[in-house]
Amino acid sequence: MTDTYLDRIGGLIRDARKHRGLTQSQLAQVLGTSQSAVHRIEAGNQNLSLDMVNRIAAALDSQLISVGRPAPTHLRVEGGHQLSGSISVRSSKNAAVALLCASLLNKGRTVLRGIARIEEVNRILEVLTSIGVEATWSEDKADLTLVRPARLELDRMDEEAARRTRSVIMFLGPLLHQESEFNLPYPGGCDLGARTVEPHLHVLRRYGLDVVATEGFYRCTADPERATLDRAIVLTERGDTVTENALFAAAMTPGTTVLRNASPNYMVQDVCYFLTKLGVKINGIGTTTLEVTGVADIDVDVEYTPSEDPIEAMSLITAAIVTNSELTITRCPMEYLEIELAILEEMGLDFTLSDEYAGANGHVRLADVTVRPSTLRARRDKIHPMPFPGLNIDNLPFFAVIAATATGATQIHDWVYENRAIHLLEMNKLGAAVDLLDPHRIVVQGPTKWRGHEVVCPPALRPAVCVLLCMLAARGTSLLRDTYVINRGYEDLAARLNLLGAKIDTFTD
């Protein structure tokens, strides 16, 4: 078994053991082994025979693995409990997947510290290891070491894993420097409406990449001699992954490239800081104009710590608001939350901020946010996202939950995605009053008397988490079915909320 699969099986064993109410020592006694062995198994650091897997499954009365796709995981939520205590924001999911793709540029050893252990990371790791990249977690699972082979085995790519993540589109930028011809499976991901890859192709054509869409694959031909870099490249969409692909292409292109209308968002800044550690020179980090001086070859042993995730921070702030709780969220990346906090202050949220301190990568500004029970009022103006430094598009859905707790009507305008506003209508099953004006606009009327209900997880990450957060406040018991999409972007979210006083059980049919 690969490290990735051992890690996933270990997580299943840990969850099943906790669901049965057993300690590691108690499970070890049933199996006739040591507590340290069980610890290694759950951490993904122990090779497992099928016989041992079957013995563990029998001991836990749980089918851990099966032929074909695993059974979906569900959550049972006993609502109405206030949260308390303190919780730390973990590293950025979007930075993690971008840095994994960026590692393909480096012939040396890449160590990513504190990387998010989520399903989206697992999918990209499955793709990377299938093409020959060595991926090794540290003993405590905090750090990931990546070593790519001299020649990637692209014909052995795990197509199923590639099709389950949109992030694989970011292979285009690194691969155009290494292969004259290659195929890339069509990417998947959240159901957020039509999202074209044309902005990616518009940029990468300037670097000599030609892409033809065939059935199920992008057929790619790279010829650096066709590059036309005599003038600045203007991105037709200020997208995060588009900008990252452009940076990957520029990183190994000798000379200086100017990228205009670039995204200055948090994950793009992480990529820029990582590339500078590889020897690439980048001016304008955090702005919409990037001047990139690339290098012909990258062979560096590098360590990097991605910044904390502003979207997880906003999720936890929302959890405190919807449950009317006092909660401290530590290690919040302030540069990417200041607009959101300003709007919340305007709506009447009682919160305080600690003094700021530096993050592990030396660039991000962190602070601790303490949220207290508050009586919120609807915002007079509509709430809508804007490119950084505006309100983050991925934080917008949480304002639907917050607006549902406030007195009055709030209009929320999600102008970027066609379907995401529609997914937020699932909140109505829990007692919210969300009216759809069109595929991009909703009106939320509050305050809400939340009630428990059974809901199938929306097929988009942030709306799915919004439904879970509403369930925390709903009286009675709620069921949230098929929660894979939440695991794509959050690590152990249910278990972490339970440590704060939530009552959430994980189960399978």
Protein backbone atom coordinates (compact mmCIF):
# COMPACT_ATOMS: atom_id res chain seq x y z
CA MET A 1 0.00 0.00 0.00
CA THR A 2 1.22 3.55 -0.72
CA ASP A 3 1.68 6.11 2.08
CA THR A 4 -1.45 7.90 0.86
CA TYR A 5 -3.66 4.80 1.13
CA LEU A 6 -2.16 3.81 4.50
CA ASP A 7 -2.97 7.29 5.76
CA ARG A 8 -6.58 7.05 4.54
CA ILE A 9 -7.10 3.55 6.02
CA GLY A 10 -5.54 4.71 9.29
CA GLY A 11 -8.02 7.57 9.41
CA LEU A 12 -10.92 5.17 8.81
CA ILE A 13 -9.70 2.94 11.65
CA ARG A 14 -9.33 5.92 14.00
CA ASP A 15 -12.85 7.20 13.18
CA ALA A 16 -14.39 3.72 13.59
CA ARG A 17 -12.60 3.20 16.91
CA LYS A 18 -13.82 6.54 18.26
CA HIS A 19 -17.34 5.79 17.04
CA ARG A 20 -17.22 2.54 19.05
CA GLY A 21 -16.00 4.49 22.10
CA LEU A 22 -12.71 2.58 22.38
CA THR A 23 -9.30 3.91 23.33
CA GLN A 24 -6.20 2.87 21.41
CA SER A 25 -5.20 0.68 24.36
CA GLN A 26 -8.58 -1.08 24.40
CA LEU A 27 -8.40 -1.81 20.66
CA ALA A 28 -4.82 -3.04 21.07
CA GLN A 29 -5.95 -5.46 23.78
CA VAL A 30 -8.67 -6.91 21.50
CA LEU A 31 -6.14 -7.32 18.67
CA GLY A 32 -3.43 -8.74 20.90
CA THR A 33 -0.96 -6.01 20.02
CA SER A 34 0.45 -2.86 21.63
CA GLN A 35 -1.07 0.62 21.94
CA SER A 36 1.95 2.01 20.06
CA ALA A 37 1.19 -0.33 17.14
CA VAL A 38 -2.40 0.93 16.99
CA HIS A 39 -1.07 4.49 17.10
CA ARG A 40 1.24 3.77 14.13
CA ILE A 41 -1.63 2.15 12.20
CA GLU A 42 -3.92 5.15 12.73
CA ALA A 43 -1.11 7.54 11.76
CA GLY A 44 -0.58 5.65 8.48
CA ASN A 45 2.94 4.60 9.46
CA GLN A 46 2.36 0.84 9.63
CA ASN A 47 2.10 -1.56 6.67
CA LEU A 48 -1.09 -3.61 6.90
CA SER A 49 -1.95 -7.05 5.59
CA LEU A 50 -5.50 -7.78 4.48
CA ASP A 51 -5.71 -10.23 7.38
CA MET A 52 -4.93 -7.46 9.86
CA VAL A 53 -7.42 -5.11 8.20
CA ASN A 54 -10.10 -7.81 8.49
CA ARG A 55 -9.23 -8.41 12.17
CA ILE A 56 -9.51 -4.69 12.91
CA ALA A 57 -12.79 -4.49 10.98
CA ALA A 58 -14.21 -7.40 13.02
CA ALA A 59 -13.06 -5.85 16.29
CA LEU A 60 -14.71 -2.53 15.40
CA ASP A 61 -17.76 -4.08 13.69
CA SER A 62 -17.02 -1.84 10.73
CA GLN A 63 -16.38 -2.57 7.05
CA LEU A 64 -13.21 -0.54 6.63
CA ILE A 65 -12.48 -1.32 2.99
CA SER A 66 -14.44 -2.86 0.16
CA VAL A 67 -14.07 -3.49 -3.54
CA GLY A 68 -15.05 -0.42 -5.52
CA ARG A 69 -15.83 3.00 -4.09
CA PRO A 70 -16.09 3.24 -0.30
CA ALA A 71 -19.51 3.73 1.27
CA PRO A 72 -20.40 7.39 1.75
CA THR A 73 -19.80 8.97 5.13
CA HIS A 74 -22.61 10.80 6.94
CA LEU A 75 -22.85 13.10 9.98
CA ARG A 76 -25.43 12.98 12.76
CA VAL A 77 -25.64 16.37 14.49
CA GLU A 78 -27.34 16.98 17.84
CA GLY A 79 -27.94 20.71 17.63
CA GLY A 80 -28.51 23.47 20.13
CA HIS A 81 -25.18 23.24 21.99
CA GLN A 82 -23.09 26.34 22.58
CA LEU A 83 -19.40 26.13 21.74
CA SER A 84 -16.58 27.31 23.97
CA GLY A 85 -12.83 27.36 24.18
CA SER A 86 -10.15 28.02 21.60
CA ILE A 87 -9.33 26.54 18.20
CA SER A 88 -6.41 27.14 15.83
CA VAL A 89 -6.77 27.83 12.11
CA ARG A 90 -4.94 25.26 10.01
CA SER A 91 -2.97 25.82 6.83
CA SER A 92 -4.57 26.81 3.56
CA LYS A 93 -6.21 24.10 1.43
CA ASN A 94 -5.89 26.16 -1.74
CA ALA A 95 -2.24 26.93 -1.08
CA ALA A 96 -1.56 23.24 -0.36
CA VAL A 97 -2.80 21.97 -3.72
CA ALA A 98 -1.05 24.78 -5.60
CA LEU A 99 2.26 24.05 -3.85
CA LEU A 100 1.93 20.34 -4.61
CA CYS A 101 1.63 21.23 -8.29
CA ALA A 102 4.51 23.71 -7.99
CA SER A 103 6.76 20.94 -6.63
CA LEU A 104 6.80 19.44 -10.15
CA LEU A 105 9.10 22.30 -11.16
CA ASN A 106 11.78 21.27 -8.68
CA LYS A 107 14.32 18.49 -9.25
CA GLY A 108 15.44 18.82 -5.64
CA ARG A 109 13.70 17.83 -2.42
CA THR A 110 10.57 19.83 -1.52
CA VAL A 111 9.39 19.80 2.11
CA LEU A 112 5.99 21.34 2.83
CA ARG A 113 5.43 21.92 6.54
CA GLY A 114 2.04 21.84 8.23
CA ILE A 115 0.27 20.99 4.99
CA ALA A 116 -3.46 20.33 5.17
CA ARG A 117 -4.30 16.60 5.24
CA ILE A 118 -7.55 16.75 3.31
CA GLU A 119 -9.14 14.80 0.46
CA GLU A 120 -8.15 17.39 -2.15
CA VAL A 121 -4.52 16.95 -1.09
CA ASN A 122 -4.96 13.16 -1.15
CA ARG A 123 -6.26 13.28 -4.74
CA ILE A 124 -3.31 15.36 -5.97
CA LEU A 125 -0.90 13.11 -4.07
CA GLU A 126 -2.44 10.06 -5.74
CA VAL A 127 -1.84 11.68 -9.11
CA LEU A 128 1.72 12.71 -8.21
CA THR A 129 2.72 9.30 -6.86
CA SER A 130 1.19 7.57 -9.88
CA ILE A 131 3.59 9.47 -12.17
CA GLY A 132 6.65 8.63 -10.07
CA VAL A 133 6.86 11.33 -7.39
CA GLU A 134 7.97 10.07 -3.96
CA ALA A 135 5.69 11.48 -1.26
CA THR A 136 6.59 10.80 2.40
CA TRP A 137 4.84 12.08 5.50
CA SER A 138 6.86 12.76 8.63
CA GLU A 139 6.30 10.55 11.70
CA ASP A 140 3.87 13.07 13.22
CA LYS A 141 2.14 13.63 9.85
CA ALA A 142 2.93 17.35 10.06
CA ASP A 143 5.32 17.60 7.11
CA LEU A 144 5.34 16.19 3.58
CA THR A 145 8.52 15.51 1.58
CA LEU A 146 8.29 15.33 -2.22
CA VAL A 147 10.99 14.07 -4.59
CA ARG A 148 10.21 13.89 -8.29
CA PRO A 149 11.95 11.47 -10.65
CA ALA A 150 14.25 12.59 -13.43
CA ARG A 151 11.48 11.73 -15.90
CA LEU A 152 7.80 11.76 -14.95
CA GLU A 153 5.79 8.67 -15.94
CA LEU A 154 2.81 10.54 -17.36
CA ASP A 155 1.45 7.50 -19.18
CA ARG A 156 0.82 5.90 -15.74
CA MET A 157 -1.21 8.82 -14.37
CA ASP A 158 -4.11 7.86 -12.06
CA GLU A 159 -6.93 9.15 -14.25
CA GLU A 160 -9.68 8.53 -11.70
CA ALA A 161 -7.94 10.64 -9.05
CA ALA A 162 -7.14 13.34 -11.62
CA ARG A 163 -10.79 13.59 -12.68
CA ARG A 164 -11.93 14.06 -9.07
CA THR A 165 -10.05 17.33 -8.58
CA ARG A 166 -10.04 20.57 -10.52
CA SER A 167 -6.55 21.32 -9.21
CA VAL A 168 -4.97 18.98 -11.77
CA ILE A 169 -5.39 21.78 -14.32
CA MET A 170 -2.36 23.36 -12.60
CA PHE A 171 -0.15 20.61 -14.01
CA LEU A 172 -0.20 22.42 -17.35
CA GLY A 173 2.25 25.16 -16.32
CA PRO A 174 4.96 22.85 -14.90
CA LEU A 175 4.61 20.11 -17.54
CA LEU A 176 5.00 22.39 -20.56
CA HIS A 177 8.66 22.80 -19.57
CA GLN A 178 9.30 19.06 -19.32
CA GLU A 179 7.35 17.28 -22.05
CA SER A 180 6.87 18.09 -25.72
CA GLU A 181 3.62 16.09 -25.77
CA PHE A 182 1.35 14.90 -22.95
CA ASN A 183 -2.29 14.22 -22.09
CA LEU A 184 -4.15 15.59 -19.09
CA PRO A 185 -7.54 14.22 -17.98
CA TYR A 186 -10.43 16.65 -17.76
CA PRO A 187 -10.55 17.96 -14.16
CA GLY A 188 -13.50 17.71 -11.79
CA GLY A 189 -14.20 19.26 -8.38
CA CYS A 190 -17.15 21.20 -6.96
CA ASP A 191 -20.40 21.70 -8.88
CA LEU A 192 -20.27 25.48 -9.24
CA GLY A 193 -21.55 25.86 -12.79
CA ALA A 194 -19.68 26.22 -16.05
CA ARG A 195 -16.01 27.12 -15.55
CA THR A 196 -14.01 27.35 -18.73
CA VAL A 197 -10.29 26.60 -18.95
CA GLU A 198 -9.88 29.11 -21.77
CA PRO A 199 -8.25 31.75 -19.49
CA HIS A 200 -5.54 29.16 -18.67
CA LEU A 201 -5.00 28.35 -22.33
CA HIS A 202 -4.94 32.01 -23.33
CA VAL A 203 -1.95 32.56 -21.02
CA LEU A 204 -0.12 29.31 -21.69
CA ARG A 205 -0.26 29.73 -25.48
CA ARG A 206 2.09 32.66 -24.99
CA TYR A 207 4.60 30.14 -23.55
CA GLY A 208 4.27 27.80 -26.53
CA LEU A 209 1.63 25.37 -25.20
CA ASP A 210 -1.02 24.20 -27.66
CA VAL A 211 -4.02 22.31 -26.26
CA VAL A 212 -6.64 20.33 -28.18
CA ALA A 213 -9.70 18.99 -26.34
CA THR A 214 -10.33 15.33 -27.21
CA GLU A 215 -12.78 12.94 -25.59
CA GLY A 216 -11.88 12.89 -21.90
CA PHE A 217 -8.43 14.47 -22.26
CA TYR A 218 -6.59 17.64 -23.11
CA ARG A 219 -3.98 16.72 -25.69
CA CYS A 220 -1.05 19.08 -25.11
CA THR A 221 1.89 20.01 -27.33
CA ALA A 222 4.64 22.23 -25.93
CA ASP A 223 7.23 24.09 -27.98
CA PRO A 224 9.05 26.88 -26.11
CA GLU A 225 10.33 28.24 -29.41
CA ARG A 226 6.75 29.28 -30.19
CA ALA A 227 6.66 31.47 -27.08
CA THR A 228 5.72 35.12 -27.69
CA LEU A 229 6.85 36.98 -24.61
CA ASP A 230 7.91 40.24 -26.19
CA ARG A 231 5.13 42.11 -24.40
CA ALA A 232 3.25 41.85 -21.10
CA ILE A 233 0.72 39.04 -20.70
CA VAL A 234 -2.72 40.30 -19.71
CA LEU A 235 -4.83 37.65 -17.96
CA THR A 236 -8.40 37.75 -19.29
CA GLU A 237 -9.63 36.49 -15.91
CA ARG A 238 -8.19 37.47 -12.55
CA GLY A 239 -8.40 33.87 -11.40
CA ASP A 240 -6.29 32.23 -8.72
CA THR A 241 -5.45 29.00 -10.56
CA VAL A 242 -4.99 30.90 -13.83
CA THR A 243 -2.43 33.15 -12.16
CA GLU A 244 -0.71 30.16 -10.56
CA ASN A 245 -0.44 28.36 -13.91
CA ALA A 246 1.02 31.53 -15.43
CA LEU A 247 3.57 31.73 -12.59
CA PHE A 248 4.58 28.08 -13.11
CA ALA A 249 5.10 28.73 -16.81
CA ALA A 250 7.10 31.90 -16.12
CA ALA A 251 9.23 30.30 -13.37
CA MET A 252 11.24 28.15 -15.80
CA THR A 253 11.24 30.60 -18.69
CA PRO A 254 14.57 32.51 -18.76
CA GLY A 255 14.14 36.25 -18.94
CA THR A 256 11.47 38.48 -17.45
CA THR A 257 7.73 38.11 -17.97
CA VAL A 258 5.18 40.69 -16.85
CA LEU A 259 1.76 39.36 -15.82
CA ARG A 260 -1.02 41.92 -15.60
CA ASN A 261 -4.48 41.51 -14.06
CA ALA A 262 -2.96 38.77 -11.90
CA SER A 263 -4.76 37.55 -8.79
CA PRO A 264 -3.08 38.79 -5.59
CA ASN A 265 -5.08 36.36 -3.43
CA TYR A 266 -3.64 34.46 -0.46
CA MET A 267 -2.81 31.17 -2.23
CA VAL A 268 -1.13 33.06 -5.10
CA GLN A 269 1.06 34.91 -2.63
CA ASP A 270 2.05 31.58 -1.07
CA VAL A 271 3.05 30.29 -4.53
CA CYS A 272 5.09 33.45 -5.17
CA TYR A 273 6.98 33.15 -1.90
CA PHE A 274 7.63 29.46 -2.57
CA LEU A 275 8.95 30.17 -6.07
CA THR A 276 11.33 32.82 -4.75
CA LYS A 277 12.84 30.13 -2.50
CA LEU A 278 13.44 28.13 -5.70
CA GLY A 279 15.48 31.00 -7.14
CA VAL A 280 12.77 32.71 -9.20
CA LYS A 281 12.65 36.50 -8.84
CA ILE A 282 9.18 38.01 -8.46
CA ASN A 283 8.38 41.68 -8.02
CA GLY A 284 4.92 42.94 -7.11
CA ILE A 285 3.79 40.11 -4.80
CA GLY A 286 0.35 41.01 -3.44
CA THR A 287 -0.50 43.27 -6.40
CA THR A 288 -2.16 42.70 -9.78
CA THR A 289 1.09 43.18 -11.72
CA LEU A 290 3.77 40.54 -11.29
CA GLU A 291 7.23 40.78 -12.84
CA VAL A 292 8.72 37.28 -12.98
CA THR A 293 12.33 36.51 -13.86
CA GLY A 294 12.56 32.79 -14.49
CA VAL A 295 15.41 30.31 -14.48
CA ALA A 296 16.21 27.53 -16.97
CA ASP A 297 16.61 24.82 -14.34
CA ILE A 298 15.45 24.37 -10.75
CA ASP A 299 17.25 21.88 -8.49
CA VAL A 300 16.92 23.10 -4.91
CA ASP A 301 16.32 21.43 -1.55
CA VAL A 302 13.60 23.68 -0.17
CA GLU A 303 11.31 23.91 2.88
CA TYR A 304 8.16 26.01 2.98
CA THR A 305 5.22 26.52 5.36
CA PRO A 306 1.96 27.64 3.71
CA SER A 307 -0.06 30.35 5.42
CA GLU A 308 -3.16 29.76 7.52
CA ASP A 309 -6.49 29.38 5.73
CA PRO A 310 -8.72 32.49 5.83
CA ILE A 311 -11.70 30.43 4.68
CA GLU A 312 -11.37 27.99 7.59
CA ALA A 313 -11.00 31.00 9.89
CA MET A 314 -14.27 32.42 8.55
CA SER A 315 -15.95 29.00 8.92
CA LEU A 316 -15.02 28.92 12.63
CA ILE A 317 -16.10 32.53 13.19
CA THR A 318 -19.44 31.61 11.62
CA ALA A 319 -19.74 28.54 13.87
CA ALA A 320 -19.41 30.85 16.90
CA ILE A 321 -21.99 33.30 15.53
CA VAL A 322 -24.66 30.76 14.56
CA THR A 323 -24.42 28.94 17.93
CA ASN A 324 -24.37 32.24 19.88
CA SER A 325 -21.10 31.20 21.51
CA GLU A 326 -17.97 32.77 22.92
CA LEU A 327 -15.08 31.26 21.00
CA THR A 328 -11.46 32.23 20.34
CA ILE A 329 -10.10 31.44 16.88
CA THR A 330 -6.30 31.65 16.92
CA ARG A 331 -3.85 32.16 14.04
CA CYS A 332 -6.28 34.06 11.79
CA PRO A 333 -4.57 35.54 8.68
CA MET A 334 -5.66 39.16 9.09
CA GLU A 335 -4.68 40.46 5.67
CA TYR A 336 -7.34 38.19 4.15
CA LEU A 337 -10.10 38.73 6.76
CA GLU A 338 -10.17 42.46 7.42
CA ILE A 339 -13.07 43.23 5.05
CA GLU A 340 -15.13 40.33 6.45
CA LEU A 341 -14.53 41.49 10.03
CA ALA A 342 -15.38 45.09 9.12
CA ILE A 343 -18.75 43.95 7.71
CA LEU A 344 -19.41 41.83 10.82
CA GLU A 345 -18.62 44.80 13.05
CA GLU A 346 -21.09 46.87 11.03
CA MET A 347 -23.73 44.15 11.60
CA GLY A 348 -23.17 44.35 15.36
CA LEU A 349 -20.79 41.47 16.11
CA ASP A 350 -19.00 41.74 19.45
CA PHE A 351 -15.41 40.59 18.96
CA THR A 352 -11.87 41.50 19.94
CA LEU A 353 -8.50 41.01 18.26
CA SER A 354 -5.17 40.16 19.84
CA ASP A 355 -1.97 41.92 18.87
CA GLU A 356 -0.70 40.71 15.50
CA TYR A 357 2.20 38.29 15.14
CA ALA A 358 4.10 36.74 12.24
CA GLY A 359 3.17 33.41 10.68
CA ALA A 360 5.64 30.57 10.21
CA ASN A 361 6.46 31.59 6.62
CA GLY A 362 7.50 35.07 7.78
CA HIS A 363 5.05 36.88 5.52
CA VAL A 364 1.47 36.47 6.78
CA ARG A 365 0.08 38.64 9.63
CA LEU A 366 -1.79 36.57 12.23
CA ALA A 367 -4.09 37.51 15.12
CA ASP A 368 -6.47 35.74 17.50
CA VAL A 369 -10.16 36.61 17.15
CA THR A 370 -12.49 36.22 20.15
CA VAL A 371 -16.18 36.20 19.19
CA ARG A 372 -18.89 36.75 21.82
CA PRO A 373 -22.69 36.24 21.71
CA SER A 374 -24.20 39.17 19.81
CA THR A 375 -27.50 40.48 18.46
CA LEU A 376 -26.89 41.07 14.76
CA ARG A 377 -28.81 43.28 12.36
CA ALA A 378 -29.08 42.88 8.60
CA ARG A 379 -26.67 44.90 6.53
CA ARG A 380 -28.27 47.73 4.56
CA ASP A 381 -26.10 47.19 1.50
CA LYS A 382 -25.89 43.86 -0.34
CA ILE A 383 -22.99 41.61 0.53
CA HIS A 384 -20.87 40.60 -2.46
CA PRO A 385 -17.35 39.38 -3.14
CA MET A 386 -14.54 41.25 -4.83
CA PRO A 387 -11.01 40.25 -5.86
CA PHE A 388 -8.43 40.62 -3.10
CA PRO A 389 -8.30 42.77 -1.03
CA GLY A 390 -12.12 42.63 -1.13
CA LEU A 391 -14.40 40.09 0.53
CA ASN A 392 -13.18 36.65 -0.52
CA ILE A 393 -15.47 34.76 -2.90
CA ASP A 394 -15.14 31.58 -0.81
CA ASN A 395 -16.17 33.44 2.35
CA LEU A 396 -19.36 34.80 0.82
CA PRO A 397 -21.57 31.73 1.54
CA PHE A 398 -20.90 32.01 5.27
CA PHE A 399 -22.66 35.37 5.23
CA ALA A 400 -25.86 33.54 4.28
CA VAL A 401 -25.63 31.67 7.61
CA ILE A 402 -24.72 34.87 9.47
CA ALA A 403 -27.55 36.82 7.79
CA ALA A 404 -29.98 34.11 8.88
CA THR A 405 -29.11 34.92 12.51
CA ALA A 406 -29.54 38.69 12.02
CA THR A 407 -32.74 40.73 12.25
CA GLY A 408 -33.94 41.92 8.84
CA ALA A 409 -33.38 41.04 5.19
CA THR A 410 -29.93 40.74 3.63
CA GLN A 411 -29.22 40.44 -0.09
CA ILE A 412 -26.21 38.33 -1.05
CA HIS A 413 -24.87 38.55 -4.60
CA ASP A 414 -22.64 35.65 -5.73
CA TRP A 415 -21.77 37.03 -9.16
CA VAL A 416 -18.88 34.63 -9.81
CA TYR A 417 -20.57 31.19 -9.79
CA GLU A 418 -23.82 30.17 -11.47
CA ASN A 419 -24.96 27.43 -9.08
CA ARG A 420 -23.61 28.19 -5.63
CA ALA A 421 -26.41 30.52 -4.53
CA ILE A 422 -28.90 27.78 -5.47
CA HIS A 423 -27.14 25.29 -3.17
CA LEU A 424 -27.70 27.66 -0.23
CA LEU A 425 -31.45 27.04 -0.51
CA GLU A 426 -30.76 23.79 1.39
CA MET A 427 -30.60 25.96 4.51
CA ASN A 428 -34.39 26.34 4.25
CA LYS A 429 -34.82 22.70 5.28
CA LEU A 430 -33.35 23.71 8.65
CA GLY A 431 -35.70 26.65 9.14
CA ALA A 432 -33.94 29.47 7.26
CA ALA A 433 -35.82 31.86 4.98
CA VAL A 434 -33.66 32.06 1.85
CA ASP A 435 -35.31 33.36 -1.33
CA LEU A 436 -33.65 32.92 -4.72
CA LEU A 437 -33.89 36.04 -6.91
CA ASP A 438 -31.85 34.54 -9.76
CA PRO A 439 -28.92 32.05 -10.05
CA HIS A 440 -26.60 34.64 -8.51
CA ARG A 441 -28.67 36.46 -5.88
CA ILE A 442 -30.46 35.44 -2.71
CA VAL A 443 -32.28 37.33 0.04
CA VAL A 444 -31.94 35.96 3.57
CA GLN A 445 -34.52 36.94 6.18
CA GLY A 446 -33.65 36.57 9.86
CA PRO A 447 -33.55 35.80 12.67
CA THR A 448 -34.07 32.06 12.25
CA LYS A 449 -35.53 29.44 14.55
CA TRP A 450 -33.38 26.52 13.46
CA ARG A 451 -34.84 23.01 13.45
CA GLY A 452 -33.27 19.63 12.76
CA HIS A 453 -33.71 17.92 9.40
CA GLU A 454 -32.09 15.39 7.09
CA VAL A 455 -30.17 16.95 4.21
CA VAL A 456 -28.07 15.48 1.42
CA CYS A 457 -24.76 17.35 1.27
CA PRO A 458 -24.74 19.97 -1.51
CA PRO A 459 -22.14 19.12 -4.20
CA ALA A 460 -20.10 22.25 -3.44
CA LEU A 461 -17.69 22.65 -0.54
CA ARG A 462 -18.65 25.96 1.08
CA PRO A 463 -22.46 25.54 0.87
CA ALA A 464 -22.02 22.05 2.35
CA VAL A 465 -20.14 23.47 5.34
CA CYS A 466 -22.81 26.17 5.69
CA VAL A 467 -25.47 23.47 6.06
CA LEU A 468 -23.37 21.72 8.71
CA LEU A 469 -22.95 24.98 10.65
CA CYS A 470 -26.71 25.59 10.56
CA MET A 471 -27.23 22.09 12.00
CA LEU A 472 -25.09 23.05 15.01
CA ALA A 473 -27.75 25.60 15.95
CA ALA A 474 -30.82 23.52 15.02
CA ARG A 475 -32.90 22.04 17.84
CA GLY A 476 -33.16 18.27 17.67
CA THR A 477 -31.08 15.91 15.56
CA SER A 478 -30.03 16.51 11.95
CA LEU A 479 -28.47 14.15 9.42
CA LEU A 480 -26.05 15.37 6.77
CA ARG A 481 -25.55 12.66 4.17
CA ASP A 482 -22.55 11.99 1.90
CA THR A 483 -20.05 14.46 3.30
CA TYR A 484 -17.08 13.68 1.02
CA VAL A 485 -17.17 17.21 -0.39
CA ILE A 486 -16.50 18.65 3.10
CA ASN A 487 -13.49 16.37 3.54
CA ARG A 488 -12.08 17.81 0.32
CA GLY A 489 -11.42 21.10 2.08
CA TYR A 490 -11.41 20.49 5.85
CA GLU A 491 -9.35 18.19 8.05
CA ASP A 492 -11.33 16.47 10.83
CA LEU A 493 -13.84 19.34 10.98
CA ALA A 494 -16.50 17.37 12.87
CA ALA A 495 -14.00 16.06 15.44
CA ARG A 496 -12.53 19.53 15.97
CA LEU A 497 -15.99 21.06 16.48
CA ASN A 498 -16.73 18.30 19.01
CA LEU A 499 -13.73 19.42 21.06
CA LEU A 500 -15.47 22.80 21.35
CA GLY A 501 -18.73 21.31 22.61
CA ALA A 502 -20.55 20.25 19.43
CA LYS A 503 -22.25 16.83 19.30
CA ILE A 504 -21.46 15.28 15.90
CA ASP A 505 -21.21 11.56 15.13
CA THR A 506 -19.71 10.14 11.94
CA PHE A 507 -21.35 7.02 10.50
CA THR A 508 -21.76 5.00 7.31
CA ASP A 509 -24.75 2.99 6.08
